[in-house]
Amino acid sequence: FHLKCAADCENKQALVAISSLYTGLPNDILPALTQGDVIDQVPGDIQGVGIDYMISAARAGDTYSKVYLAKAYDTGVNLGSRDKDLNVAIKYYQEAVEAGADKRYLYVARQAEITLLSDTEHYDPNRAGELYSEAAEIAMEEMAGKLATKYYALAEESWALIEE
């Protein structure tokens, strides 16, 4: 009850805890509680309500929530009644990178992969090359030289796909 009230008052820690609880993820505040313990007290789809709280936590600046939402919208898994949406996934990946998430290069590289999906509206080899190059620079900053080399090579491959 108190956790829900705190989350409804936009307390960031409460938002993260209740969204984790409702989506079935472990939480730090009440580790003994599980999704099964609270499912009877949540009207409607508990996963959907958890995603709503997760979105609020992301808006409040929680990096973990941004990463979770990016991956969820990217894969279409753990979204409750929502559907896979690559536009939203790209938005959350970008927000996670800007918020300073760990291993940012992975999220920039995933954005590049999405822009190379030829059967979607996102297809843009030039943008993919730029993103892979950015991922390589971030990987170099974070001392991941082998990945940086891989991303530079992928950037070159992406730029090779541009029709002249």
N, C-alpha and C. Protein backbone atom coordinates (compact mmCIF):
# COMPACT_ATOMS: atom_id res chain seq x y z
N PHE A 1 0.83 -1.20 0.00
CA PHE A 1 0.00 0.00 0.00
C PHE A 1 0.87 1.25 0.00
N HIS A 2 1.83 1.34 0.92
CA HIS A 2 2.66 2.52 1.03
C HIS A 2 3.56 2.69 -0.19
N LEU A 3 4.05 1.57 -0.70
CA LEU A 3 4.88 1.63 -1.90
C LEU A 3 4.09 2.18 -3.08
N LYS A 4 2.87 1.72 -3.25
CA LYS A 4 2.02 2.20 -4.34
C LYS A 4 1.72 3.69 -4.17
N CYS A 5 1.44 4.12 -2.95
CA CYS A 5 1.17 5.54 -2.69
C CYS A 5 2.39 6.39 -3.03
N ALA A 6 3.56 5.92 -2.63
CA ALA A 6 4.79 6.65 -2.94
C ALA A 6 5.03 6.71 -4.45
N ALA A 7 4.76 5.61 -5.13
CA ALA A 7 4.93 5.58 -6.59
C ALA A 7 3.93 6.51 -7.26
N ASP A 8 2.71 6.53 -6.76
CA ASP A 8 1.70 7.43 -7.33
C ASP A 8 2.05 8.90 -7.09
N CYS A 9 2.88 9.16 -6.08
CA CYS A 9 3.36 10.52 -5.80
C CYS A 9 4.66 10.82 -6.57
N GLU A 10 5.02 9.96 -7.50
CA GLU A 10 6.18 10.12 -8.38
C GLU A 10 7.52 10.01 -7.65
N ASN A 11 7.59 9.28 -6.56
CA ASN A 11 8.86 9.01 -5.90
C ASN A 11 9.63 8.03 -6.79
N LYS A 12 10.83 8.44 -7.21
CA LYS A 12 11.59 7.66 -8.18
C LYS A 12 11.93 6.25 -7.67
N GLN A 13 12.38 6.14 -6.43
CA GLN A 13 12.71 4.82 -5.90
C GLN A 13 11.49 3.93 -5.83
N ALA A 14 10.35 4.51 -5.44
CA ALA A 14 9.12 3.73 -5.36
C ALA A 14 8.66 3.31 -6.75
N LEU A 15 8.81 4.20 -7.73
CA LEU A 15 8.44 3.87 -9.11
C LEU A 15 9.26 2.68 -9.62
N VAL A 16 10.55 2.72 -9.36
CA VAL A 16 11.43 1.62 -9.80
C VAL A 16 11.04 0.33 -9.08
N ALA A 17 10.82 0.42 -7.78
CA ALA A 17 10.50 -0.79 -7.00
C ALA A 17 9.18 -1.40 -7.43
N ILE A 18 8.15 -0.58 -7.58
CA ILE A 18 6.83 -1.13 -7.91
C ILE A 18 6.79 -1.61 -9.36
N SER A 19 7.49 -0.91 -10.25
CA SER A 19 7.51 -1.39 -11.63
C SER A 19 8.25 -2.72 -11.71
N SER A 20 9.32 -2.86 -10.95
CA SER A 20 10.05 -4.14 -10.92
C SER A 20 9.16 -5.24 -10.34
N LEU A 21 8.47 -4.93 -9.27
CA LEU A 21 7.59 -5.89 -8.62
C LEU A 21 6.48 -6.35 -9.57
N TYR A 22 5.84 -5.40 -10.23
CA TYR A 22 4.72 -5.72 -11.12
C TYR A 22 5.15 -6.42 -12.40
N THR A 23 6.38 -6.17 -12.85
CA THR A 23 6.84 -6.83 -14.07
C THR A 23 7.57 -8.14 -13.78
N GLY A 24 7.67 -8.51 -12.50
CA GLY A 24 8.27 -9.77 -12.13
C GLY A 24 9.78 -9.74 -11.97
N LEU A 25 10.34 -8.54 -11.89
CA LEU A 25 11.78 -8.40 -11.71
C LEU A 25 12.10 -8.30 -10.22
N PRO A 26 13.30 -8.64 -9.83
CA PRO A 26 13.66 -8.47 -8.41
C PRO A 26 13.75 -6.99 -8.06
N ASN A 27 13.42 -6.66 -6.80
CA ASN A 27 13.54 -5.27 -6.38
C ASN A 27 14.30 -5.19 -5.06
N ASP A 28 14.90 -4.05 -4.81
CA ASP A 28 15.75 -3.88 -3.63
C ASP A 28 14.96 -3.50 -2.38
N ILE A 29 13.84 -2.85 -2.56
CA ILE A 29 13.12 -2.31 -1.41
C ILE A 29 12.36 -3.40 -0.64
N LEU A 30 11.65 -4.24 -1.36
CA LEU A 30 10.90 -5.34 -0.74
C LEU A 30 11.27 -6.66 -1.44
N PRO A 31 12.46 -7.16 -1.17
CA PRO A 31 12.93 -8.34 -1.91
C PRO A 31 12.12 -9.61 -1.64
N ALA A 32 11.40 -9.66 -0.52
CA ALA A 32 10.62 -10.86 -0.21
C ALA A 32 9.32 -10.92 -1.01
N LEU A 33 8.87 -9.77 -1.53
CA LEU A 33 7.62 -9.75 -2.31
C LEU A 33 7.89 -10.15 -3.75
N THR A 34 6.93 -10.89 -4.32
CA THR A 34 7.02 -11.28 -5.73
C THR A 34 5.77 -10.81 -6.45
N GLN A 35 5.78 -10.94 -7.74
CA GLN A 35 4.62 -10.58 -8.54
C GLN A 35 3.40 -11.39 -8.12
N GLY A 36 3.58 -12.63 -7.79
CA GLY A 36 2.48 -13.48 -7.35
C GLY A 36 1.83 -13.01 -6.06
N ASP A 37 2.61 -12.36 -5.20
CA ASP A 37 2.08 -11.87 -3.94
C ASP A 37 1.13 -10.69 -4.11
N VAL A 38 1.31 -9.91 -5.17
CA VAL A 38 0.52 -8.68 -5.33
C VAL A 38 -0.47 -8.74 -6.48
N ILE A 39 -0.49 -9.82 -7.22
CA ILE A 39 -1.32 -9.90 -8.43
C ILE A 39 -2.81 -9.70 -8.14
N ASP A 40 -3.26 -10.12 -6.97
CA ASP A 40 -4.68 -9.98 -6.62
C ASP A 40 -5.06 -8.53 -6.31
N GLN A 41 -4.09 -7.71 -5.97
CA GLN A 41 -4.38 -6.33 -5.60
C GLN A 41 -4.24 -5.35 -6.75
N VAL A 42 -3.92 -5.84 -7.93
CA VAL A 42 -3.73 -4.97 -9.08
C VAL A 42 -4.87 -5.19 -10.07
N PRO A 43 -5.65 -4.14 -10.31
CA PRO A 43 -6.74 -4.29 -11.29
C PRO A 43 -6.18 -4.37 -12.71
N GLY A 44 -6.68 -5.28 -13.50
CA GLY A 44 -6.25 -5.41 -14.89
C GLY A 44 -4.98 -6.21 -15.05
N ASP A 45 -4.28 -5.93 -16.12
CA ASP A 45 -3.06 -6.63 -16.51
C ASP A 45 -1.88 -6.12 -15.67
N ILE A 46 -1.36 -6.95 -14.78
CA ILE A 46 -0.28 -6.52 -13.88
C ILE A 46 0.97 -6.13 -14.66
N GLN A 47 1.26 -6.84 -15.74
CA GLN A 47 2.43 -6.51 -16.56
C GLN A 47 2.26 -5.13 -17.18
N GLY A 48 1.07 -4.84 -17.68
CA GLY A 48 0.79 -3.53 -18.27
C GLY A 48 0.90 -2.41 -17.26
N VAL A 49 0.38 -2.64 -16.06
CA VAL A 49 0.48 -1.64 -14.99
C VAL A 49 1.95 -1.44 -14.62
N GLY A 50 2.71 -2.54 -14.58
CA GLY A 50 4.14 -2.44 -14.29
C GLY A 50 4.88 -1.63 -15.33
N ILE A 51 4.52 -1.82 -16.60
CA ILE A 51 5.14 -1.04 -17.68
C ILE A 51 4.77 0.43 -17.54
N ASP A 52 3.53 0.73 -17.16
CA ASP A 52 3.13 2.12 -16.93
C ASP A 52 4.02 2.77 -15.86
N TYR A 53 4.24 2.05 -14.76
CA TYR A 53 5.11 2.57 -13.71
C TYR A 53 6.56 2.67 -14.20
N MET A 54 6.99 1.73 -15.03
CA MET A 54 8.34 1.75 -15.58
C MET A 54 8.53 2.98 -16.46
N ILE A 55 7.51 3.32 -17.26
CA ILE A 55 7.57 4.51 -18.10
C ILE A 55 7.68 5.76 -17.23
N SER A 56 6.93 5.79 -16.14
CA SER A 56 7.02 6.92 -15.21
C SER A 56 8.41 7.02 -14.60
N ALA A 57 8.99 5.89 -14.24
CA ALA A 57 10.35 5.88 -13.68
C ALA A 57 11.36 6.37 -14.72
N ALA A 58 11.18 5.98 -15.97
CA ALA A 58 12.07 6.44 -17.04
C ALA A 58 11.94 7.95 -17.22
N ARG A 59 10.71 8.44 -17.17
CA ARG A 59 10.50 9.89 -17.27
C ARG A 59 11.15 10.63 -16.09
N ALA A 60 11.19 9.97 -14.95
CA ALA A 60 11.81 10.56 -13.75
C ALA A 60 13.34 10.49 -13.83
N GLY A 61 13.86 9.84 -14.85
CA GLY A 61 15.31 9.82 -15.06
C GLY A 61 16.01 8.53 -14.69
N ASP A 62 15.29 7.47 -14.42
CA ASP A 62 15.93 6.21 -14.04
C ASP A 62 16.50 5.51 -15.27
N THR A 63 17.81 5.35 -15.28
CA THR A 63 18.50 4.76 -16.42
C THR A 63 18.13 3.30 -16.63
N TYR A 64 18.05 2.54 -15.54
CA TYR A 64 17.69 1.12 -15.63
C TYR A 64 16.33 0.96 -16.32
N SER A 65 15.38 1.81 -15.99
CA SER A 65 14.05 1.74 -16.60
C SER A 65 14.12 2.03 -18.09
N LYS A 66 14.95 2.97 -18.47
CA LYS A 66 15.10 3.31 -19.89
C LYS A 66 15.66 2.12 -20.67
N VAL A 67 16.66 1.46 -20.09
CA VAL A 67 17.26 0.29 -20.75
C VAL A 67 16.24 -0.84 -20.84
N TYR A 68 15.53 -1.08 -19.74
CA TYR A 68 14.51 -2.15 -19.74
C TYR A 68 13.46 -1.88 -20.81
N LEU A 69 12.96 -0.65 -20.87
CA LEU A 69 11.92 -0.32 -21.86
C LEU A 69 12.46 -0.42 -23.28
N ALA A 70 13.69 0.02 -23.49
CA ALA A 70 14.28 -0.08 -24.83
C ALA A 70 14.32 -1.53 -25.30
N LYS A 71 14.81 -2.40 -24.42
CA LYS A 71 14.90 -3.82 -24.78
C LYS A 71 13.52 -4.44 -24.96
N ALA A 72 12.58 -4.05 -24.10
CA ALA A 72 11.23 -4.60 -24.19
C ALA A 72 10.55 -4.19 -25.50
N TYR A 73 10.63 -2.91 -25.84
CA TYR A 73 10.00 -2.46 -27.09
C TYR A 73 10.75 -2.98 -28.31
N ASP A 74 12.04 -3.22 -28.18
CA ASP A 74 12.84 -3.77 -29.27
C ASP A 74 12.44 -5.21 -29.57
N THR A 75 12.26 -6.01 -28.51
CA THR A 75 11.97 -7.43 -28.70
C THR A 75 10.49 -7.76 -28.68
N GLY A 76 9.68 -6.89 -28.06
CA GLY A 76 8.25 -7.18 -27.92
C GLY A 76 7.94 -8.10 -26.76
N VAL A 77 8.94 -8.37 -25.90
CA VAL A 77 8.78 -9.27 -24.76
C VAL A 77 8.60 -8.43 -23.49
N ASN A 78 7.73 -8.91 -22.59
CA ASN A 78 7.47 -8.25 -21.31
C ASN A 78 6.83 -6.88 -21.45
N LEU A 79 5.95 -6.72 -22.41
CA LEU A 79 5.27 -5.45 -22.61
C LEU A 79 3.80 -5.49 -22.19
N GLY A 80 3.35 -6.60 -21.66
CA GLY A 80 1.94 -6.71 -21.33
C GLY A 80 1.11 -6.71 -22.60
N SER A 81 0.15 -5.80 -22.67
CA SER A 81 -0.73 -5.74 -23.85
C SER A 81 -0.16 -4.86 -24.96
N ARG A 82 0.98 -4.26 -24.74
CA ARG A 82 1.59 -3.39 -25.75
C ARG A 82 2.29 -4.24 -26.81
N ASP A 83 2.51 -3.62 -27.97
CA ASP A 83 3.17 -4.31 -29.08
C ASP A 83 4.60 -3.81 -29.24
N LYS A 84 5.40 -4.61 -29.92
CA LYS A 84 6.77 -4.23 -30.28
C LYS A 84 6.71 -2.93 -31.07
N ASP A 85 7.61 -1.99 -30.76
CA ASP A 85 7.63 -0.71 -31.46
C ASP A 85 9.07 -0.23 -31.53
N LEU A 86 9.67 -0.34 -32.71
CA LEU A 86 11.07 0.02 -32.87
C LEU A 86 11.31 1.52 -32.71
N ASN A 87 10.33 2.35 -33.05
CA ASN A 87 10.48 3.80 -32.85
C ASN A 87 10.66 4.11 -31.37
N VAL A 88 9.84 3.51 -30.54
CA VAL A 88 9.92 3.73 -29.10
C VAL A 88 11.22 3.12 -28.56
N ALA A 89 11.61 1.97 -29.08
CA ALA A 89 12.85 1.32 -28.65
C ALA A 89 14.04 2.24 -28.92
N ILE A 90 14.10 2.80 -30.11
CA ILE A 90 15.20 3.70 -30.47
C ILE A 90 15.21 4.91 -29.53
N LYS A 91 14.04 5.44 -29.24
CA LYS A 91 13.93 6.59 -28.33
C LYS A 91 14.51 6.25 -26.96
N TYR A 92 14.14 5.10 -26.41
CA TYR A 92 14.64 4.72 -25.09
C TYR A 92 16.12 4.34 -25.11
N TYR A 93 16.60 3.72 -26.20
CA TYR A 93 18.03 3.44 -26.31
C TYR A 93 18.80 4.77 -26.28
N GLN A 94 18.33 5.75 -27.03
CA GLN A 94 19.00 7.04 -27.08
C GLN A 94 18.99 7.72 -25.71
N GLU A 95 17.85 7.67 -25.03
CA GLU A 95 17.75 8.26 -23.69
C GLU A 95 18.69 7.56 -22.71
N ALA A 96 18.82 6.25 -22.82
CA ALA A 96 19.72 5.51 -21.94
C ALA A 96 21.17 5.91 -22.18
N VAL A 97 21.53 6.10 -23.44
CA VAL A 97 22.89 6.53 -23.79
C VAL A 97 23.15 7.92 -23.23
N GLU A 98 22.19 8.82 -23.41
CA GLU A 98 22.34 10.18 -22.91
C GLU A 98 22.38 10.23 -21.38
N ALA A 99 21.73 9.28 -20.73
CA ALA A 99 21.71 9.23 -19.26
C ALA A 99 22.98 8.59 -18.70
N GLY A 100 23.84 8.08 -19.57
CA GLY A 100 25.10 7.51 -19.11
C GLY A 100 25.02 6.07 -18.66
N ALA A 101 24.19 5.28 -19.32
CA ALA A 101 24.07 3.86 -18.97
C ALA A 101 25.41 3.15 -19.13
N ASP A 102 25.59 2.08 -18.38
CA ASP A 102 26.80 1.27 -18.54
C ASP A 102 26.80 0.63 -19.93
N LYS A 103 27.98 0.50 -20.47
CA LYS A 103 28.16 -0.11 -21.80
C LYS A 103 27.27 0.57 -22.84
N ARG A 104 27.35 1.89 -22.90
CA ARG A 104 26.54 2.67 -23.84
C ARG A 104 26.74 2.25 -25.28
N TYR A 105 27.94 1.79 -25.60
CA TYR A 105 28.24 1.40 -26.98
C TYR A 105 27.31 0.29 -27.46
N LEU A 106 26.86 -0.58 -26.55
CA LEU A 106 25.95 -1.65 -26.95
C LEU A 106 24.61 -1.09 -27.43
N TYR A 107 24.15 -0.03 -26.77
CA TYR A 107 22.85 0.55 -27.12
C TYR A 107 22.93 1.39 -28.39
N VAL A 108 24.06 2.04 -28.59
CA VAL A 108 24.26 2.78 -29.84
C VAL A 108 24.36 1.79 -31.00
N ALA A 109 25.08 0.70 -30.79
CA ALA A 109 25.23 -0.32 -31.84
C ALA A 109 23.87 -0.96 -32.15
N ARG A 110 23.04 -1.17 -31.15
CA ARG A 110 21.71 -1.75 -31.40
C ARG A 110 20.86 -0.80 -32.22
N GLN A 111 20.98 0.50 -31.97
CA GLN A 111 20.27 1.47 -32.80
C GLN A 111 20.73 1.36 -34.25
N ALA A 112 22.03 1.17 -34.43
CA ALA A 112 22.56 1.01 -35.79
C ALA A 112 21.99 -0.24 -36.44
N GLU A 113 21.92 -1.34 -35.69
CA GLU A 113 21.34 -2.58 -36.23
C GLU A 113 19.90 -2.36 -36.68
N ILE A 114 19.15 -1.63 -35.88
CA ILE A 114 17.74 -1.37 -36.22
C ILE A 114 17.65 -0.55 -37.51
N THR A 115 18.56 0.42 -37.69
CA THR A 115 18.50 1.23 -38.90
C THR A 115 18.96 0.47 -40.14
N LEU A 116 19.52 -0.71 -39.94
CA LEU A 116 19.90 -1.54 -41.09
C LEU A 116 18.86 -2.60 -41.44
N LEU A 117 17.76 -2.64 -40.70
CA LEU A 117 16.70 -3.61 -41.02
C LEU A 117 15.99 -3.12 -42.29
N SER A 118 16.23 -3.82 -43.38
CA SER A 118 15.75 -3.34 -44.68
C SER A 118 14.24 -3.43 -44.85
N ASP A 119 13.58 -4.24 -44.03
CA ASP A 119 12.13 -4.38 -44.19
C ASP A 119 11.35 -3.43 -43.27
N THR A 120 12.01 -2.40 -42.77
CA THR A 120 11.33 -1.44 -41.89
C THR A 120 11.49 -0.03 -42.43
N GLU A 121 10.76 0.88 -41.82
CA GLU A 121 10.84 2.29 -42.20
C GLU A 121 12.14 2.94 -41.74
N HIS A 122 12.90 2.25 -40.92
CA HIS A 122 14.10 2.81 -40.32
C HIS A 122 15.33 2.65 -41.19
N TYR A 123 15.22 1.94 -42.31
CA TYR A 123 16.39 1.60 -43.12
C TYR A 123 17.12 2.86 -43.58
N ASP A 124 18.35 3.00 -43.11
CA ASP A 124 19.19 4.15 -43.46
C ASP A 124 20.64 3.75 -43.23
N PRO A 125 21.31 3.23 -44.26
CA PRO A 125 22.69 2.76 -44.08
C PRO A 125 23.65 3.87 -43.65
N ASN A 126 23.40 5.10 -44.10
CA ASN A 126 24.28 6.20 -43.71
C ASN A 126 24.17 6.46 -42.22
N ARG A 127 22.95 6.51 -41.72
CA ARG A 127 22.73 6.72 -40.28
C ARG A 127 23.33 5.54 -39.48
N ALA A 128 23.18 4.33 -40.00
CA ALA A 128 23.74 3.16 -39.33
C ALA A 128 25.26 3.28 -39.24
N GLY A 129 25.89 3.73 -40.31
CA GLY A 129 27.33 3.93 -40.30
C GLY A 129 27.75 4.95 -39.26
N GLU A 130 26.99 6.04 -39.17
CA GLU A 130 27.29 7.07 -38.17
C GLU A 130 27.14 6.50 -36.75
N LEU A 131 26.08 5.72 -36.53
CA LEU A 131 25.85 5.14 -35.21
C LEU A 131 26.93 4.12 -34.86
N TYR A 132 27.31 3.29 -35.81
CA TYR A 132 28.39 2.32 -35.55
C TYR A 132 29.70 3.05 -35.24
N SER A 133 29.95 4.13 -35.94
CA SER A 133 31.16 4.91 -35.68
C SER A 133 31.11 5.52 -34.28
N GLU A 134 29.95 6.03 -33.89
CA GLU A 134 29.77 6.57 -32.54
C GLU A 134 29.96 5.47 -31.49
N ALA A 135 29.40 4.29 -31.76
CA ALA A 135 29.56 3.16 -30.84
C ALA A 135 31.04 2.79 -30.69
N ALA A 136 31.77 2.85 -31.80
CA ALA A 136 33.20 2.53 -31.77
C ALA A 136 33.96 3.54 -30.91
N GLU A 137 33.62 4.81 -31.04
CA GLU A 137 34.28 5.85 -30.24
C GLU A 137 33.99 5.66 -28.75
N ILE A 138 32.74 5.35 -28.43
CA ILE A 138 32.37 5.12 -27.03
C ILE A 138 33.09 3.87 -26.50
N ALA A 139 33.16 2.84 -27.32
CA ALA A 139 33.84 1.61 -26.91
C ALA A 139 35.33 1.89 -26.65
N MET A 140 35.94 2.74 -27.46
CA MET A 140 37.34 3.11 -27.23
C MET A 140 37.48 3.84 -25.91
N GLU A 141 36.55 4.76 -25.61
CA GLU A 141 36.58 5.49 -24.34
C GLU A 141 36.47 4.53 -23.16
N GLU A 142 35.70 3.47 -23.33
CA GLU A 142 35.47 2.53 -22.25
C GLU A 142 36.43 1.33 -22.31
N MET A 143 37.49 1.49 -23.06
CA MET A 143 38.57 0.50 -23.12
C MET A 143 38.11 -0.86 -23.67
N ALA A 144 37.24 -0.83 -24.65
CA ALA A 144 36.79 -2.06 -25.31
C ALA A 144 37.27 -2.03 -26.76
N GLY A 145 38.57 -2.18 -26.91
CA GLY A 145 39.21 -2.02 -28.21
C GLY A 145 38.75 -2.99 -29.29
N LYS A 146 38.55 -4.26 -28.92
CA LYS A 146 38.12 -5.25 -29.92
C LYS A 146 36.73 -4.90 -30.45
N LEU A 147 35.85 -4.48 -29.55
CA LEU A 147 34.51 -4.08 -29.99
C LEU A 147 34.58 -2.82 -30.85
N ALA A 148 35.44 -1.91 -30.49
CA ALA A 148 35.60 -0.68 -31.28
C ALA A 148 36.01 -1.02 -32.71
N THR A 149 36.95 -1.93 -32.84
CA THR A 149 37.39 -2.36 -34.17
C THR A 149 36.23 -2.98 -34.95
N LYS A 150 35.47 -3.80 -34.26
CA LYS A 150 34.30 -4.44 -34.89
C LYS A 150 33.30 -3.38 -35.36
N TYR A 151 33.04 -2.39 -34.51
CA TYR A 151 32.06 -1.35 -34.87
C TYR A 151 32.57 -0.48 -36.02
N TYR A 152 33.87 -0.19 -36.04
CA TYR A 152 34.40 0.57 -37.18
C TYR A 152 34.23 -0.22 -38.47
N ALA A 153 34.46 -1.52 -38.42
CA ALA A 153 34.27 -2.36 -39.62
C ALA A 153 32.81 -2.37 -40.04
N LEU A 154 31.90 -2.48 -39.08
CA LEU A 154 30.47 -2.45 -39.40
C LEU A 154 30.04 -1.10 -39.97
N ALA A 155 30.66 -0.03 -39.49
CA ALA A 155 30.37 1.29 -40.05
C ALA A 155 30.76 1.34 -41.52
N GLU A 156 31.93 0.81 -41.84
CA GLU A 156 32.38 0.78 -43.23
C GLU A 156 31.43 -0.06 -44.09
N GLU A 157 31.01 -1.22 -43.55
CA GLU A 157 30.07 -2.07 -44.29
C GLU A 157 28.74 -1.34 -44.52
N SER A 158 28.29 -0.61 -43.52
CA SER A 158 27.04 0.13 -43.65
C SER A 158 27.14 1.20 -44.72
N TRP A 159 28.24 1.93 -44.70
CA TRP A 159 28.42 2.97 -45.71
C TRP A 159 28.57 2.39 -47.09
N ALA A 160 29.06 1.15 -47.20
CA ALA A 160 29.18 0.49 -48.50
C ALA A 160 27.80 0.17 -49.09
N LEU A 161 26.78 0.12 -48.24
CA LEU A 161 25.43 -0.19 -48.71
C LEU A 161 24.70 1.00 -49.33
N ILE A 162 25.28 2.18 -49.18
CA ILE A 162 24.63 3.39 -49.70
C ILE A 162 24.67 3.36 -51.22
N GLU A 163 23.50 3.56 -51.80
CA GLU A 163 23.40 3.58 -53.27
C GLU A 163 23.86 4.95 -53.77
N GLU A 164 24.69 4.91 -54.78
CA GLU A 164 25.22 6.18 -55.30
C GLU A 164 24.43 6.66 -56.48
